[in-house]
């Protein structure tokens, strides 16, 4: 089943309006949306509060007013992405618990993540930006954005490994390889276009990735 569409964060553009002062909830939401865009596209360290405020069309001082610090703003942005993921968890649970054959459930779960990567792009862009970094931010991001889906899928991945439908040493390894493949592929769209000499449709890229991933699942071996 398809995930619920979310705002496209593939490019950051300044929101209309002149910089101003908004100490109310509207200002907070504008800053939060801008922060999600900037953190997802640039990562935590390169992102500046001035760039976030400018994108929101607000005074940079309002970041401190609403969130207190850059770190707390980043946490709030991750939390916003996590909240959009919550309604999709029962869908994933339904795939895992379905009475269909094991290989079909594995295929359906992979399809779920491919749809999620296309429609909840900020989630995978946040993951991509934090890969290779250790510390509290990675721990928080893993807990909020990765662990909920992994907790649901881990029993399915484990069963598939035991029946040799998946060739992986541990469910966590396969789960990371799946998320990593999706994050890297989506992050490489500009490079793909440069190599191809033309824009390549995102859906075509994801379809190719789906075929590659599912082509690596052997039938259950005796």
N, C-alpha and C. Protein backbone atom coordinates (compact mmCIF):
# COMPACT_ATOMS: atom_id res chain seq x y z
N UNK A 1 0.84 -1.19 0.00
CA UNK A 1 0.00 0.00 0.00
C UNK A 1 0.88 1.24 0.00
N UNK A 2 0.39 2.30 -0.59
CA UNK A 2 1.19 3.50 -0.72
C UNK A 2 1.16 4.31 0.56
N UNK A 3 2.27 4.98 0.82
CA UNK A 3 2.34 5.87 1.97
C UNK A 3 1.68 7.19 1.64
N UNK A 4 1.30 7.94 2.67
CA UNK A 4 0.65 9.22 2.48
C UNK A 4 1.63 10.25 1.96
N UNK A 5 1.29 10.99 0.89
CA UNK A 5 2.22 11.96 0.33
C UNK A 5 2.61 13.02 1.35
N UNK A 6 3.84 13.48 1.25
CA UNK A 6 4.33 14.53 2.13
C UNK A 6 4.96 15.62 1.29
N UNK A 7 5.27 16.73 1.94
CA UNK A 7 5.86 17.84 1.22
C UNK A 7 7.18 17.43 0.60
N UNK A 8 7.41 17.83 -0.64
CA UNK A 8 8.64 17.52 -1.35
C UNK A 8 9.74 18.43 -0.84
N UNK A 9 10.82 17.83 -0.31
CA UNK A 9 11.94 18.62 0.18
C UNK A 9 13.15 18.49 -0.73
N UNK A 10 12.92 18.13 -1.99
CA UNK A 10 14.04 17.92 -2.90
C UNK A 10 14.75 19.23 -3.25
N UNK A 11 14.09 20.35 -3.04
CA UNK A 11 14.73 21.64 -3.28
C UNK A 11 14.24 22.62 -2.24
N UNK A 12 15.09 23.55 -1.88
CA UNK A 12 14.73 24.55 -0.88
C UNK A 12 14.55 25.88 -1.58
N UNK A 13 13.37 26.45 -1.45
CA UNK A 13 13.08 27.76 -2.04
C UNK A 13 12.52 28.66 -0.96
N UNK A 14 12.87 29.91 -1.02
CA UNK A 14 12.39 30.85 -0.02
C UNK A 14 10.89 31.01 -0.13
N UNK A 15 10.20 30.95 1.00
CA UNK A 15 8.76 31.10 1.00
C UNK A 15 8.40 32.56 0.75
N UNK A 16 7.25 32.80 0.11
CA UNK A 16 6.88 34.18 -0.21
C UNK A 16 6.65 35.00 1.04
N UNK A 17 6.82 36.30 0.89
CA UNK A 17 6.59 37.19 2.01
C UNK A 17 7.87 37.85 2.45
N UNK A 18 7.74 38.97 3.12
CA UNK A 18 8.91 39.70 3.59
C UNK A 18 9.25 39.25 4.99
N UNK A 19 10.55 39.28 5.35
CA UNK A 19 10.92 38.92 6.71
C UNK A 19 10.15 39.76 7.71
N UNK A 20 9.66 39.10 8.74
CA UNK A 20 8.88 39.84 9.71
C UNK A 20 8.92 39.18 11.06
N UNK A 21 8.05 39.61 11.92
CA UNK A 21 8.00 39.08 13.28
C UNK A 21 6.70 38.34 13.47
N UNK A 22 6.79 37.10 13.92
CA UNK A 22 5.60 36.30 14.19
C UNK A 22 5.90 35.41 15.38
N UNK A 23 5.47 35.85 16.55
CA UNK A 23 5.76 35.12 17.77
C UNK A 23 4.70 34.07 18.08
N UNK A 24 3.64 33.99 17.25
CA UNK A 24 2.56 33.04 17.50
C UNK A 24 2.81 31.69 16.87
N UNK A 25 1.76 30.85 16.89
CA UNK A 25 1.88 29.49 16.39
C UNK A 25 2.18 29.46 14.89
N UNK A 26 1.65 30.43 14.14
CA UNK A 26 1.93 30.47 12.70
C UNK A 26 3.42 30.62 12.45
N UNK A 27 4.07 31.50 13.20
CA UNK A 27 5.50 31.68 13.04
C UNK A 27 6.27 30.43 13.41
N UNK A 28 5.84 29.77 14.47
CA UNK A 28 6.51 28.53 14.89
C UNK A 28 6.42 27.47 13.79
N UNK A 29 5.24 27.31 13.20
CA UNK A 29 5.06 26.31 12.16
C UNK A 29 5.87 26.65 10.91
N UNK A 30 5.93 27.93 10.57
CA UNK A 30 6.72 28.33 9.40
C UNK A 30 8.19 28.04 9.61
N UNK A 31 8.69 28.31 10.81
CA UNK A 31 10.08 28.00 11.12
C UNK A 31 10.33 26.49 11.10
N UNK A 32 9.38 25.74 11.63
CA UNK A 32 9.54 24.29 11.69
C UNK A 32 9.57 23.69 10.29
N UNK A 33 8.70 24.16 9.41
CA UNK A 33 8.69 23.66 8.04
C UNK A 33 9.98 24.04 7.31
N UNK A 34 10.43 25.27 7.53
CA UNK A 34 11.68 25.70 6.90
C UNK A 34 12.86 24.90 7.43
N UNK A 35 12.86 24.65 8.74
CA UNK A 35 13.95 23.87 9.34
C UNK A 35 13.98 22.46 8.78
N UNK A 36 12.83 21.86 8.60
CA UNK A 36 12.78 20.52 8.03
C UNK A 36 13.39 20.51 6.63
N UNK A 37 13.04 21.50 5.83
CA UNK A 37 13.59 21.59 4.47
C UNK A 37 15.11 21.76 4.49
N UNK A 38 15.59 22.68 5.31
CA UNK A 38 17.01 23.01 5.32
C UNK A 38 17.83 21.88 5.93
N UNK A 39 17.40 21.34 7.07
CA UNK A 39 18.14 20.24 7.69
C UNK A 39 18.15 19.01 6.78
N UNK A 40 17.04 18.73 6.11
CA UNK A 40 16.97 17.56 5.23
C UNK A 40 17.86 17.72 4.01
N UNK A 41 18.01 18.94 3.52
CA UNK A 41 18.80 19.15 2.31
C UNK A 41 20.27 19.41 2.59
N UNK A 42 20.58 19.97 3.79
CA UNK A 42 21.97 20.36 4.07
C UNK A 42 22.61 19.56 5.20
N UNK A 43 21.81 19.00 6.10
CA UNK A 43 22.36 18.39 7.30
C UNK A 43 22.43 19.39 8.43
N UNK A 44 22.74 18.91 9.63
CA UNK A 44 22.70 19.77 10.81
C UNK A 44 23.81 20.82 10.81
N UNK A 45 25.05 20.39 10.64
CA UNK A 45 26.18 21.32 10.78
C UNK A 45 26.16 22.45 9.76
N UNK A 46 25.97 22.17 8.46
CA UNK A 46 26.01 23.27 7.48
C UNK A 46 24.80 24.20 7.58
N UNK A 47 23.70 23.72 8.11
CA UNK A 47 22.48 24.54 8.16
C UNK A 47 22.67 25.70 9.13
N UNK A 48 22.23 26.88 8.72
CA UNK A 48 22.32 28.05 9.60
C UNK A 48 20.92 28.50 9.99
N UNK A 49 20.82 29.04 11.20
CA UNK A 49 19.53 29.55 11.66
C UNK A 49 19.07 30.72 10.79
N UNK A 50 20.01 31.49 10.29
CA UNK A 50 19.63 32.61 9.42
C UNK A 50 19.00 32.10 8.13
N UNK A 51 19.57 31.02 7.57
CA UNK A 51 19.01 30.46 6.34
C UNK A 51 17.60 29.92 6.60
N UNK A 52 17.41 29.29 7.75
CA UNK A 52 16.09 28.76 8.09
C UNK A 52 15.08 29.89 8.26
N UNK A 53 15.48 30.93 9.00
CA UNK A 53 14.58 32.07 9.21
C UNK A 53 14.28 32.77 7.90
N UNK A 54 15.28 32.91 7.04
CA UNK A 54 15.06 33.56 5.75
C UNK A 54 14.09 32.77 4.89
N UNK A 55 14.24 31.43 4.91
CA UNK A 55 13.32 30.58 4.15
C UNK A 55 11.89 30.73 4.67
N UNK A 56 11.76 30.89 5.99
CA UNK A 56 10.43 31.06 6.59
C UNK A 56 9.92 32.49 6.43
N UNK A 57 10.80 33.42 6.04
CA UNK A 57 10.40 34.81 5.92
C UNK A 57 10.22 35.49 7.26
N UNK A 58 11.05 35.09 8.25
CA UNK A 58 10.91 35.61 9.60
C UNK A 58 12.25 36.08 10.15
N UNK A 59 12.18 36.80 11.26
CA UNK A 59 13.37 37.29 11.94
C UNK A 59 14.10 36.11 12.59
N UNK A 60 15.43 36.00 12.41
CA UNK A 60 16.18 34.90 13.03
C UNK A 60 16.02 34.82 14.55
N UNK A 61 15.75 35.95 15.20
CA UNK A 61 15.59 35.94 16.65
C UNK A 61 14.41 35.08 17.09
N UNK A 62 13.47 34.85 16.18
CA UNK A 62 12.30 34.05 16.54
C UNK A 62 12.63 32.57 16.70
N UNK A 63 13.76 32.13 16.15
CA UNK A 63 14.17 30.74 16.37
C UNK A 63 14.40 30.50 17.85
N UNK A 64 15.12 31.42 18.48
CA UNK A 64 15.37 31.30 19.92
C UNK A 64 14.07 31.42 20.70
N UNK A 65 13.19 32.31 20.27
CA UNK A 65 11.91 32.51 20.96
C UNK A 65 11.07 31.24 20.96
N UNK A 66 11.00 30.57 19.81
CA UNK A 66 10.13 29.40 19.68
C UNK A 66 10.80 28.10 20.09
N UNK A 67 12.10 27.97 19.85
CA UNK A 67 12.75 26.66 20.04
C UNK A 67 13.94 26.68 20.99
N UNK A 68 14.50 27.84 21.24
CA UNK A 68 15.58 27.94 22.21
C UNK A 68 16.96 27.75 21.64
N UNK A 69 17.14 26.80 20.72
CA UNK A 69 18.47 26.53 20.18
C UNK A 69 18.34 25.79 18.85
N UNK A 70 19.43 25.75 18.12
CA UNK A 70 19.47 25.01 16.86
C UNK A 70 19.23 23.52 17.10
N UNK A 71 19.81 22.99 18.18
CA UNK A 71 19.64 21.57 18.49
C UNK A 71 18.18 21.23 18.76
N UNK A 72 17.50 22.06 19.53
CA UNK A 72 16.09 21.81 19.83
C UNK A 72 15.22 21.97 18.59
N UNK A 73 15.60 22.88 17.71
CA UNK A 73 14.87 23.03 16.45
C UNK A 73 15.03 21.78 15.60
N UNK A 74 16.25 21.23 15.55
CA UNK A 74 16.48 20.00 14.80
C UNK A 74 15.65 18.85 15.37
N UNK A 75 15.62 18.74 16.70
CA UNK A 75 14.79 17.71 17.33
C UNK A 75 13.32 17.87 16.94
N UNK A 76 12.85 19.11 16.95
CA UNK A 76 11.45 19.36 16.60
C UNK A 76 11.18 18.98 15.15
N UNK A 77 12.13 19.24 14.26
CA UNK A 77 11.96 18.88 12.85
C UNK A 77 11.91 17.36 12.69
N UNK A 78 12.79 16.64 13.38
CA UNK A 78 12.77 15.17 13.34
C UNK A 78 11.44 14.65 13.89
N UNK A 79 10.97 15.26 14.98
CA UNK A 79 9.69 14.84 15.57
C UNK A 79 8.54 15.04 14.58
N UNK A 80 8.58 16.13 13.82
CA UNK A 80 7.53 16.39 12.84
C UNK A 80 7.51 15.31 11.76
N UNK A 81 8.70 14.90 11.31
CA UNK A 81 8.79 13.82 10.32
C UNK A 81 8.27 12.52 10.92
N UNK A 82 8.64 12.26 12.18
CA UNK A 82 8.20 11.03 12.85
C UNK A 82 6.68 10.98 12.99
N UNK A 83 6.07 12.13 13.26
CA UNK A 83 4.61 12.16 13.41
C UNK A 83 3.91 11.80 12.11
N UNK A 84 4.49 12.20 10.97
CA UNK A 84 3.88 11.86 9.69
C UNK A 84 4.03 10.37 9.37
N UNK A 85 5.02 9.74 9.99
CA UNK A 85 5.24 8.32 9.76
C UNK A 85 4.27 7.46 10.59
N UNK A 86 3.81 7.97 11.73
CA UNK A 86 3.01 7.18 12.66
C UNK A 86 1.77 6.53 12.03
N UNK A 87 0.97 7.27 11.24
CA UNK A 87 -0.24 6.65 10.68
C UNK A 87 0.05 5.50 9.72
N UNK A 88 1.30 5.40 9.25
CA UNK A 88 1.65 4.35 8.29
C UNK A 88 2.08 3.06 8.97
N UNK A 89 2.37 3.12 10.26
CA UNK A 89 2.85 1.93 10.96
C UNK A 89 1.83 0.80 10.97
N UNK A 90 0.53 1.07 11.15
CA UNK A 90 -0.44 -0.03 11.06
C UNK A 90 -0.49 -0.68 9.68
N UNK A 91 -0.22 0.10 8.64
CA UNK A 91 -0.17 -0.47 7.29
C UNK A 91 0.96 -1.48 7.19
N UNK A 92 2.13 -1.10 7.70
CA UNK A 92 3.27 -2.01 7.69
C UNK A 92 3.00 -3.23 8.55
N UNK A 93 2.38 -3.03 9.70
CA UNK A 93 2.05 -4.16 10.57
C UNK A 93 1.11 -5.13 9.86
N UNK A 94 0.17 -4.59 9.09
CA UNK A 94 -0.74 -5.44 8.34
C UNK A 94 -0.03 -6.28 7.30
N UNK A 95 1.00 -5.72 6.67
CA UNK A 95 1.80 -6.48 5.70
C UNK A 95 2.53 -7.63 6.39
N UNK A 96 3.14 -7.33 7.53
CA UNK A 96 3.90 -8.34 8.26
C UNK A 96 3.00 -9.46 8.75
N UNK A 97 1.79 -9.12 9.20
CA UNK A 97 0.88 -10.10 9.79
C UNK A 97 -0.03 -10.79 8.77
N UNK A 98 0.07 -10.42 7.50
CA UNK A 98 -0.82 -10.97 6.48
C UNK A 98 -0.65 -12.49 6.37
N UNK A 99 -1.71 -13.20 5.96
CA UNK A 99 -1.62 -14.67 5.82
C UNK A 99 -0.94 -15.12 4.53
N UNK A 100 -0.44 -14.19 3.74
CA UNK A 100 0.19 -14.54 2.47
C UNK A 100 1.54 -15.23 2.69
N UNK A 101 2.07 -15.90 1.66
CA UNK A 101 3.36 -16.59 1.80
C UNK A 101 4.48 -15.64 2.22
N UNK A 102 5.50 -16.20 2.84
CA UNK A 102 6.60 -15.41 3.38
C UNK A 102 7.25 -14.53 2.32
N UNK A 103 7.58 -15.11 1.16
CA UNK A 103 8.25 -14.34 0.12
C UNK A 103 7.39 -13.17 -0.34
N UNK A 104 6.07 -13.37 -0.43
CA UNK A 104 5.18 -12.29 -0.82
C UNK A 104 5.17 -11.17 0.22
N UNK A 105 5.18 -11.54 1.49
CA UNK A 105 5.20 -10.53 2.55
C UNK A 105 6.50 -9.73 2.54
N UNK A 106 7.60 -10.41 2.25
CA UNK A 106 8.88 -9.70 2.13
C UNK A 106 8.83 -8.71 0.97
N UNK A 107 8.33 -9.16 -0.18
CA UNK A 107 8.19 -8.27 -1.34
C UNK A 107 7.30 -7.09 -1.01
N UNK A 108 6.17 -7.35 -0.34
CA UNK A 108 5.23 -6.28 -0.01
C UNK A 108 5.86 -5.28 0.97
N UNK A 109 6.65 -5.79 1.91
CA UNK A 109 7.31 -4.89 2.87
C UNK A 109 8.34 -4.01 2.16
N UNK A 110 9.09 -4.59 1.24
CA UNK A 110 10.06 -3.80 0.47
C UNK A 110 9.32 -2.74 -0.35
N UNK A 111 8.21 -3.12 -0.97
CA UNK A 111 7.41 -2.16 -1.72
C UNK A 111 6.94 -1.01 -0.82
N UNK A 112 6.56 -1.34 0.41
CA UNK A 112 6.13 -0.32 1.36
C UNK A 112 7.23 0.71 1.56
N UNK A 113 8.47 0.26 1.75
CA UNK A 113 9.57 1.19 1.99
C UNK A 113 9.92 1.99 0.74
N UNK A 114 9.77 1.39 -0.43
CA UNK A 114 10.02 2.14 -1.67
C UNK A 114 8.98 3.25 -1.82
N UNK A 115 7.71 2.93 -1.55
CA UNK A 115 6.67 3.96 -1.59
C UNK A 115 6.93 5.03 -0.54
N UNK A 116 7.36 4.59 0.64
CA UNK A 116 7.65 5.53 1.72
C UNK A 116 8.77 6.48 1.32
N UNK A 117 9.80 5.95 0.68
CA UNK A 117 10.94 6.77 0.27
C UNK A 117 10.52 7.81 -0.76
N UNK A 118 9.57 7.46 -1.61
CA UNK A 118 9.13 8.40 -2.64
C UNK A 118 8.21 9.47 -2.07
N UNK A 119 7.38 9.10 -1.12
CA UNK A 119 6.33 10.00 -0.65
C UNK A 119 6.64 10.68 0.68
N UNK A 120 7.55 10.13 1.45
CA UNK A 120 8.00 10.75 2.70
C UNK A 120 9.49 11.04 2.57
N UNK A 121 9.83 11.90 1.64
CA UNK A 121 11.23 12.08 1.25
C UNK A 121 12.09 12.64 2.38
N UNK A 122 11.51 13.51 3.20
CA UNK A 122 12.30 14.12 4.26
C UNK A 122 12.85 13.06 5.21
N UNK A 123 12.08 12.01 5.46
CA UNK A 123 12.52 10.95 6.36
C UNK A 123 13.84 10.35 5.88
N UNK A 124 13.92 10.03 4.60
CA UNK A 124 15.12 9.39 4.07
C UNK A 124 16.25 10.39 3.89
N UNK A 125 15.92 11.65 3.65
CA UNK A 125 16.97 12.66 3.53
C UNK A 125 17.61 12.93 4.88
N UNK A 126 16.82 12.93 5.95
CA UNK A 126 17.39 13.06 7.29
C UNK A 126 18.32 11.90 7.58
N UNK A 127 17.89 10.68 7.25
CA UNK A 127 18.74 9.50 7.47
C UNK A 127 20.04 9.63 6.69
N UNK A 128 19.93 10.03 5.43
CA UNK A 128 21.12 10.15 4.59
C UNK A 128 22.10 11.16 5.17
N UNK A 129 21.60 12.28 5.69
CA UNK A 129 22.48 13.33 6.21
C UNK A 129 23.22 12.90 7.47
N UNK A 130 22.64 11.99 8.25
CA UNK A 130 23.26 11.61 9.52
C UNK A 130 24.09 10.33 9.43
N UNK A 131 24.00 9.61 8.30
CA UNK A 131 24.81 8.40 8.15
C UNK A 131 26.29 8.76 8.23
N UNK A 132 27.05 7.97 8.93
CA UNK A 132 28.47 8.24 9.08
C UNK A 132 28.79 9.09 10.29
N UNK A 133 27.76 9.64 10.94
CA UNK A 133 27.97 10.42 12.16
C UNK A 133 27.53 9.58 13.36
N UNK A 134 28.27 9.66 14.42
CA UNK A 134 27.87 8.99 15.65
C UNK A 134 27.59 10.05 16.70
N UNK A 135 26.86 9.66 17.73
CA UNK A 135 26.57 10.60 18.79
C UNK A 135 25.09 10.76 19.05
N UNK A 136 24.72 11.72 19.87
CA UNK A 136 23.33 11.88 20.30
C UNK A 136 22.34 12.12 19.16
N UNK A 137 22.75 12.86 18.12
CA UNK A 137 21.81 13.12 17.03
C UNK A 137 21.45 11.84 16.29
N UNK A 138 22.45 11.03 15.98
CA UNK A 138 22.19 9.77 15.29
C UNK A 138 21.33 8.86 16.16
N UNK A 139 21.61 8.84 17.46
CA UNK A 139 20.81 8.02 18.38
C UNK A 139 19.36 8.48 18.37
N UNK A 140 19.15 9.79 18.43
CA UNK A 140 17.78 10.31 18.45
C UNK A 140 17.07 10.02 17.14
N UNK A 141 17.76 10.24 16.02
CA UNK A 141 17.16 10.00 14.71
C UNK A 141 16.80 8.53 14.55
N UNK A 142 17.69 7.64 14.97
CA UNK A 142 17.42 6.20 14.87
C UNK A 142 16.19 5.83 15.70
N UNK A 143 16.13 6.37 16.90
CA UNK A 143 15.02 6.06 17.80
C UNK A 143 13.69 6.56 17.26
N UNK A 144 13.69 7.75 16.65
CA UNK A 144 12.44 8.37 16.22
C UNK A 144 12.02 7.97 14.80
N UNK A 145 13.00 7.81 13.88
CA UNK A 145 12.65 7.59 12.48
C UNK A 145 12.88 6.17 11.98
N UNK A 146 13.79 5.44 12.60
CA UNK A 146 14.14 4.11 12.10
C UNK A 146 13.56 2.99 12.96
N UNK A 147 13.69 3.12 14.27
CA UNK A 147 13.27 2.06 15.18
C UNK A 147 11.80 1.66 15.05
N UNK A 148 10.86 2.60 14.88
CA UNK A 148 9.44 2.19 14.81
C UNK A 148 9.16 1.18 13.69
N UNK A 149 9.67 1.44 12.50
CA UNK A 149 9.45 0.49 11.39
C UNK A 149 10.26 -0.78 11.59
N UNK A 150 11.47 -0.64 12.11
CA UNK A 150 12.30 -1.83 12.31
C UNK A 150 11.67 -2.77 13.33
N UNK A 151 11.09 -2.23 14.39
CA UNK A 151 10.47 -3.07 15.41
C UNK A 151 9.35 -3.92 14.81
N UNK A 152 8.66 -3.38 13.82
CA UNK A 152 7.59 -4.12 13.15
C UNK A 152 8.16 -5.16 12.19
N UNK A 153 9.19 -4.78 11.44
CA UNK A 153 9.72 -5.64 10.38
C UNK A 153 10.69 -6.71 10.88
N UNK A 154 11.34 -6.48 12.01
CA UNK A 154 12.39 -7.40 12.46
C UNK A 154 11.94 -8.86 12.51
N UNK A 155 10.74 -9.18 13.04
CA UNK A 155 10.32 -10.59 13.03
C UNK A 155 10.17 -11.16 11.62
N UNK A 156 9.69 -10.34 10.68
CA UNK A 156 9.57 -10.80 9.30
C UNK A 156 10.94 -11.04 8.69
N UNK A 157 11.86 -10.09 8.88
CA UNK A 157 13.21 -10.27 8.35
C UNK A 157 13.86 -11.51 8.96
N UNK A 158 13.66 -11.72 10.28
CA UNK A 158 14.27 -12.87 10.95
C UNK A 158 13.73 -14.18 10.40
N UNK A 159 12.42 -14.25 10.21
CA UNK A 159 11.82 -15.46 9.65
C UNK A 159 12.35 -15.71 8.24
N UNK A 160 12.47 -14.65 7.46
CA UNK A 160 12.97 -14.79 6.08
C UNK A 160 14.42 -15.24 6.06
N UNK A 161 15.22 -14.77 7.02
CA UNK A 161 16.61 -15.21 7.12
C UNK A 161 16.68 -16.69 7.49
N UNK A 162 15.87 -17.09 8.46
CA UNK A 162 15.88 -18.48 8.91
C UNK A 162 15.46 -19.44 7.80
N UNK A 163 14.56 -18.99 6.93
CA UNK A 163 14.10 -19.83 5.82
C UNK A 163 14.88 -19.57 4.53
N UNK A 164 15.93 -18.77 4.64
CA UNK A 164 16.84 -18.47 3.53
C UNK A 164 16.14 -17.79 2.37
N UNK A 165 15.10 -17.05 2.69
CA UNK A 165 14.50 -16.15 1.71
C UNK A 165 15.34 -14.88 1.62
N UNK A 166 15.92 -14.47 2.75
CA UNK A 166 16.88 -13.37 2.79
C UNK A 166 18.24 -13.92 3.19
N UNK A 167 19.26 -13.51 2.49
CA UNK A 167 20.62 -13.92 2.82
C UNK A 167 21.30 -12.76 3.54
N UNK A 168 21.14 -12.74 4.85
CA UNK A 168 21.67 -11.65 5.67
C UNK A 168 22.04 -12.22 7.03
N UNK A 169 23.09 -11.70 7.66
CA UNK A 169 23.49 -12.25 8.97
C UNK A 169 22.57 -11.83 10.12
N UNK A 170 21.79 -10.75 9.91
CA UNK A 170 20.95 -10.24 11.01
C UNK A 170 19.85 -9.36 10.41
N UNK A 171 18.66 -9.36 11.01
CA UNK A 171 17.59 -8.48 10.51
C UNK A 171 18.00 -7.01 10.43
N UNK A 172 18.79 -6.55 11.39
CA UNK A 172 19.21 -5.14 11.38
C UNK A 172 20.08 -4.83 10.18
N UNK A 173 20.89 -5.80 9.75
CA UNK A 173 21.76 -5.58 8.59
C UNK A 173 20.92 -5.41 7.34
N UNK A 174 19.95 -6.30 7.14
CA UNK A 174 19.10 -6.17 5.95
C UNK A 174 18.31 -4.87 5.99
N UNK A 175 17.77 -4.52 7.16
CA UNK A 175 16.97 -3.30 7.27
C UNK A 175 17.81 -2.08 6.92
N UNK A 176 19.04 -2.04 7.42
CA UNK A 176 19.91 -0.91 7.10
C UNK A 176 20.25 -0.89 5.61
N UNK A 177 20.55 -2.05 5.03
CA UNK A 177 20.88 -2.09 3.61
C UNK A 177 19.71 -1.59 2.77
N UNK A 178 18.50 -1.92 3.18
CA UNK A 178 17.31 -1.46 2.46
C UNK A 178 17.18 0.06 2.57
N UNK A 179 17.26 0.59 3.79
CA UNK A 179 17.16 2.04 3.97
C UNK A 179 18.31 2.76 3.29
N UNK A 180 19.51 2.18 3.39
CA UNK A 180 20.67 2.81 2.78
C UNK A 180 20.56 2.86 1.26
N UNK A 181 20.07 1.78 0.66
CA UNK A 181 19.90 1.76 -0.79
C UNK A 181 18.91 2.83 -1.24
N UNK A 182 17.82 2.96 -0.50
CA UNK A 182 16.82 3.96 -0.86
C UNK A 182 17.34 5.38 -0.64
N UNK A 183 17.98 5.62 0.51
CA UNK A 183 18.50 6.95 0.81
C UNK A 183 19.55 7.38 -0.20
N UNK A 184 20.48 6.47 -0.51
CA UNK A 184 21.55 6.80 -1.43
C UNK A 184 21.03 7.03 -2.84
N UNK A 185 20.10 6.18 -3.28
CA UNK A 185 19.56 6.31 -4.63
C UNK A 185 18.83 7.63 -4.80
N UNK A 186 17.98 7.97 -3.84
CA UNK A 186 17.23 9.22 -3.95
C UNK A 186 18.16 10.43 -3.85
N UNK A 187 19.20 10.31 -3.03
CA UNK A 187 20.15 11.41 -2.92
C UNK A 187 21.01 11.57 -4.16
N UNK A 188 21.08 10.53 -4.98
CA UNK A 188 21.94 10.56 -6.17
C UNK A 188 21.21 10.98 -7.43
N UNK A 189 19.95 11.41 -7.33
CA UNK A 189 19.18 11.77 -8.52
C UNK A 189 19.90 12.83 -9.36
N UNK A 190 20.48 13.90 -8.76
CA UNK A 190 21.21 14.87 -9.60
C UNK A 190 22.41 14.25 -10.31
N UNK A 191 23.13 13.34 -9.64
CA UNK A 191 24.27 12.70 -10.28
C UNK A 191 23.81 11.79 -11.42
N UNK A 192 22.70 11.09 -11.20
CA UNK A 192 22.15 10.23 -12.25
C UNK A 192 21.82 11.07 -13.48
N UNK A 193 21.21 12.24 -13.26
CA UNK A 193 20.86 13.12 -14.37
C UNK A 193 22.10 13.61 -15.11
N UNK A 194 23.16 13.92 -14.35
CA UNK A 194 24.40 14.38 -14.97
C UNK A 194 25.02 13.27 -15.82
N UNK A 195 25.05 12.06 -15.28
CA UNK A 195 25.63 10.94 -16.02
C UNK A 195 24.79 10.60 -17.25
N UNK A 196 23.47 10.69 -17.10
CA UNK A 196 22.58 10.35 -18.21
C UNK A 196 22.52 11.45 -19.26
N UNK A 197 22.90 12.66 -18.88
CA UNK A 197 22.80 13.78 -19.80
C UNK A 197 21.39 14.30 -19.95
N UNK A 198 20.49 13.85 -19.08
CA UNK A 198 19.10 14.29 -19.11
C UNK A 198 18.44 13.91 -17.79
N UNK A 199 17.31 14.54 -17.51
CA UNK A 199 16.57 14.20 -16.31
C UNK A 199 15.98 12.80 -16.45
N UNK A 200 16.09 12.02 -15.38
CA UNK A 200 15.52 10.67 -15.36
C UNK A 200 14.36 10.67 -14.36
N UNK A 201 13.22 10.18 -14.79
CA UNK A 201 12.02 10.20 -13.96
C UNK A 201 12.25 9.45 -12.66
N UNK A 202 11.87 10.08 -11.54
CA UNK A 202 12.05 9.45 -10.22
C UNK A 202 11.34 8.11 -10.14
N UNK A 203 10.15 8.03 -10.70
CA UNK A 203 9.41 6.77 -10.64
C UNK A 203 10.14 5.67 -11.40
N UNK A 204 10.79 6.02 -12.50
CA UNK A 204 11.55 5.03 -13.26
C UNK A 204 12.75 4.55 -12.44
N UNK A 205 13.39 5.48 -11.73
CA UNK A 205 14.52 5.11 -10.88
C UNK A 205 14.07 4.16 -9.77
N UNK A 206 12.97 4.51 -9.11
CA UNK A 206 12.47 3.67 -8.03
C UNK A 206 12.00 2.31 -8.54
N UNK A 207 11.41 2.30 -9.73
CA UNK A 207 10.98 1.02 -10.30
C UNK A 207 12.19 0.13 -10.57
N UNK A 208 13.26 0.72 -11.09
CA UNK A 208 14.48 -0.06 -11.33
C UNK A 208 15.05 -0.60 -10.02
N UNK A 209 15.03 0.24 -8.98
CA UNK A 209 15.52 -0.19 -7.68
C UNK A 209 14.66 -1.33 -7.13
N UNK A 210 13.35 -1.23 -7.32
CA UNK A 210 12.45 -2.29 -6.86
C UNK A 210 12.80 -3.62 -7.53
N UNK A 211 13.04 -3.59 -8.84
CA UNK A 211 13.38 -4.82 -9.56
C UNK A 211 14.71 -5.39 -9.09
N UNK A 212 15.68 -4.50 -8.85
CA UNK A 212 16.99 -4.96 -8.39
C UNK A 212 16.88 -5.60 -7.01
N UNK A 213 16.17 -4.93 -6.10
CA UNK A 213 16.03 -5.46 -4.74
C UNK A 213 15.31 -6.80 -4.74
N UNK A 214 14.20 -6.87 -5.45
CA UNK A 214 13.42 -8.10 -5.43
C UNK A 214 14.11 -9.22 -6.21
N UNK A 215 14.97 -8.85 -7.14
CA UNK A 215 15.72 -9.86 -7.87
C UNK A 215 16.79 -10.54 -7.03
N UNK A 216 17.10 -9.95 -5.86
CA UNK A 216 18.10 -10.53 -4.98
C UNK A 216 17.49 -11.42 -3.91
N UNK A 217 16.16 -11.64 -3.96
CA UNK A 217 15.53 -12.54 -3.00
C UNK A 217 15.41 -13.91 -3.64
N UNK A 218 16.20 -14.88 -3.20
CA UNK A 218 16.04 -16.23 -3.76
C UNK A 218 14.77 -16.86 -3.22
N UNK A 219 14.24 -17.81 -3.96
CA UNK A 219 13.14 -18.58 -3.40
C UNK A 219 13.66 -19.33 -2.19
N UNK A 220 12.75 -19.66 -1.27
CA UNK A 220 13.16 -20.40 -0.08
C UNK A 220 13.85 -21.70 -0.50
N UNK A 221 15.01 -21.94 0.08
CA UNK A 221 15.80 -23.11 -0.28
C UNK A 221 15.48 -24.27 0.65
N UNK A 222 15.59 -25.49 0.17
CA UNK A 222 15.30 -26.65 1.02
C UNK A 222 16.34 -26.80 2.12
